[in-house]
Amino acid sequence: MEQAAQPKVKHKVFNFHTQLKWAGGKAGMLRAEGKPEFRIASPPEFKGEPGVWTPEDLFVAALETCTMCTFAAFAQKLQLPVVSYESRAEGVLEFLDGGYQFTKVFIRPRVVVSQPDMADRVRQTLDDAHHACLVARSVKSEVVVEAEIVAE
C-alpha cells in the first residue's frame, strides 16, 4: 500500500533588527524600534567602561532570558503551579584556539511552586525549556557579516 504524500508545513520566519551608533572609544548606543536606547561598551577586562552593558553581558543574558521565557510559556500551557522564577547566570570566557570564547554558560534558576508534588514535573519542564530555547540552540550557528563600507 502506497503512503499518501505528507503536506508541507510552512514555517514562519521572523526578523529582529537592532541599530548601533558608535559613541566614541569602545562604546555605542544600542536601540531597536519601539524600545529604549541604552549604552553598551567593551567590558573593563578589555579596556572598556565599567558599569555599562557589554556584548558579553548581553550574550549571557540572552541565554538566561530565553530559558526563562521558554519555561514560562511551557509552564503556562501546562498550567503548572509556579509561584516565582528567579535565576542567575554565569558565562565562562576563556582564551582558546587563538581567541576568547564562551566555553560554558551556567544558568541557575530558582523556581517556587505552590504544590510540592509537582516539583518533578516543573523540573522536567525546565529541562524541556532549556532544550527548546532558541538562543541556546543557536549559539553554534553560522554568523554572517554583511558590511557596508562608506567613505566620507
Protein backbone atom coordinates (compact mmCIF):
# COMPACT_ATOMS: atom_id res chain seq x y z
CA MET A 1 0.00 0.00 0.00
CA GLU A 2 1.42 3.35 -1.04
CA GLN A 3 1.53 6.12 1.54
CA ALA A 4 -0.03 9.47 0.74
CA ALA A 5 2.37 12.38 0.48
CA GLN A 6 2.57 14.42 3.66
CA PRO A 7 1.54 18.07 3.27
CA LYS A 8 4.43 20.51 3.51
CA VAL A 9 4.44 22.55 6.68
CA LYS A 10 5.21 26.20 6.12
CA HIS A 11 7.24 27.64 8.97
CA LYS A 12 7.14 31.29 9.86
CA VAL A 13 10.24 33.41 9.50
CA PHE A 14 10.89 36.24 11.92
CA ASN A 15 13.42 39.07 11.64
CA PHE A 16 14.78 41.08 14.54
CA HIS A 17 16.51 44.40 13.94
CA THR A 18 18.81 46.49 16.06
CA GLN A 19 20.72 49.69 15.39
CA LEU A 20 24.04 50.69 16.87
CA LYS A 21 25.67 54.11 16.79
CA TRP A 22 29.29 54.48 17.84
CA ALA A 23 29.66 56.85 20.82
CA GLY A 24 33.46 57.11 20.72
CA GLY A 25 36.10 54.94 22.30
CA LYS A 26 34.81 51.40 22.71
CA ALA A 27 31.18 52.40 23.31
CA GLY A 28 27.97 52.83 21.41
CA MET A 29 24.26 53.38 21.78
CA LEU A 30 22.11 50.34 21.05
CA ARG A 31 18.47 50.59 20.12
CA ALA A 32 15.62 48.84 18.41
CA GLU A 33 12.41 50.36 17.15
CA GLY A 34 9.93 50.99 19.94
CA LYS A 35 12.43 50.14 22.68
CA PRO A 36 14.58 52.31 24.94
CA GLU A 37 18.09 53.07 23.79
CA PHE A 38 20.98 52.14 26.06
CA ARG A 39 24.75 52.45 26.18
CA ILE A 40 26.96 49.44 25.52
CA ALA A 41 30.74 49.19 25.69
CA SER A 42 33.60 46.78 25.92
CA PRO A 43 33.98 45.40 29.43
CA PRO A 44 36.68 46.74 31.75
CA GLU A 45 38.56 43.43 31.21
CA PHE A 46 39.12 44.64 27.62
CA LYS A 47 39.79 48.30 28.50
CA GLY A 48 36.15 49.29 28.28
CA GLU A 49 33.82 51.16 30.58
CA PRO A 50 32.73 49.90 33.99
CA GLY A 51 29.02 49.96 34.81
CA VAL A 52 27.85 49.63 31.20
CA TRP A 53 26.16 46.67 29.48
CA THR A 54 28.63 44.74 27.33
CA PRO A 55 28.26 42.28 24.45
CA GLU A 56 29.39 39.60 26.89
CA ASP A 57 26.65 40.55 29.36
CA LEU A 58 24.06 40.55 26.59
CA PHE A 59 25.19 37.13 25.34
CA VAL A 60 24.80 35.54 28.77
CA ALA A 61 21.57 37.47 29.40
CA ALA A 62 20.12 36.29 26.07
CA LEU A 63 20.63 32.68 27.10
CA GLU A 64 19.24 33.28 30.57
CA THR A 65 16.20 35.24 29.47
CA CYS A 66 15.34 32.89 26.60
CA THR A 67 15.42 29.96 29.02
CA MET A 68 13.07 31.79 31.39
CA CYS A 69 10.68 32.90 28.64
CA THR A 70 10.54 29.41 27.14
CA PHE A 71 9.96 27.88 30.55
CA ALA A 72 7.21 30.42 31.31
CA ALA A 73 5.45 29.57 28.04
CA PHE A 74 5.65 25.83 28.72
CA ALA A 75 4.59 26.23 32.36
CA GLN A 76 1.61 28.37 31.37
CA LYS A 77 0.50 25.87 28.73
CA LEU A 78 0.80 23.01 31.23
CA GLN A 79 -0.86 25.10 33.96
CA LEU A 80 1.99 24.39 36.37
CA PRO A 81 1.67 25.92 39.85
CA VAL A 82 4.66 28.24 39.54
CA VAL A 83 4.74 30.95 42.18
CA SER A 84 8.04 32.59 41.21
CA TYR A 85 11.08 32.21 38.99
CA GLU A 86 14.46 33.81 39.55
CA SER A 87 17.78 32.89 38.03
CA ARG A 88 21.43 33.73 37.96
CA ALA A 89 23.72 33.07 35.04
CA GLU A 90 27.47 32.86 34.64
CA GLY A 91 29.35 32.85 31.36
CA VAL A 92 32.85 31.40 31.37
CA LEU A 93 35.04 33.23 28.86
CA GLU A 94 38.36 31.54 28.07
CA PHE A 95 41.22 32.03 25.64
CA LEU A 96 41.25 29.00 23.33
CA ASP A 97 42.43 28.39 19.79
CA GLY A 98 43.86 31.89 19.44
CA GLY A 99 40.92 33.88 20.80
CA TYR A 100 38.41 34.35 23.55
CA GLN A 101 35.20 32.35 23.52
CA PHE A 102 32.49 31.37 25.90
CA THR A 103 33.20 27.76 26.84
CA LYS A 104 30.27 27.35 29.24
CA VAL A 105 27.27 29.29 30.40
CA PHE A 106 25.66 28.24 33.64
CA ILE A 107 22.01 29.19 34.21
CA ARG A 108 20.85 28.67 37.74
CA PRO A 109 17.11 29.15 38.09
CA ARG A 110 15.19 29.07 41.33
CA VAL A 111 11.55 28.15 40.76
CA VAL A 112 8.99 28.18 43.55
CA VAL A 113 5.86 26.06 43.10
CA SER A 114 2.69 26.01 45.18
CA GLN A 115 2.25 22.22 45.00
CA PRO A 116 5.25 20.15 46.20
CA ASP A 117 4.07 17.05 44.31
CA MET A 118 4.58 19.00 41.05
CA ALA A 119 8.28 19.62 41.63
CA ASP A 120 9.42 16.80 39.33
CA ARG A 121 7.06 17.96 36.58
CA VAL A 122 8.39 21.52 36.88
CA ARG A 123 11.98 20.23 36.78
CA GLN A 124 11.21 18.26 33.60
CA THR A 125 9.52 21.29 32.07
CA LEU A 126 12.57 23.41 32.86
CA ASP A 127 14.77 20.80 31.18
CA ASP A 128 12.45 20.78 28.15
CA ALA A 129 12.57 24.58 28.02
CA HIS A 130 16.35 24.52 28.12
CA HIS A 131 16.46 22.18 25.12
CA ALA A 132 13.87 24.26 23.23
CA CYS A 133 15.40 27.67 23.98
CA LEU A 134 16.04 29.15 20.55
CA VAL A 135 19.03 31.20 21.69
CA ALA A 136 20.75 28.18 23.26
CA ARG A 137 20.02 26.21 20.09
CA SER A 138 21.63 28.99 18.04
CA VAL A 139 24.96 29.66 19.74
CA LYS A 140 26.81 27.31 17.40
CA SER A 141 25.09 28.72 14.30
CA GLU A 142 26.88 30.35 11.42
CA VAL A 143 27.31 34.11 11.78
CA VAL A 144 27.27 36.12 8.58
CA VAL A 145 28.61 39.69 8.46
CA GLU A 146 27.34 41.79 5.57
CA ALA A 147 29.27 45.02 5.87
CA GLU A 148 28.66 48.26 4.06
CA ILE A 149 31.76 50.45 3.99
CA VAL A 150 31.15 54.12 3.21
CA ALA A 151 33.89 56.71 2.82
CA GLU A 152 33.04 60.32 3.51
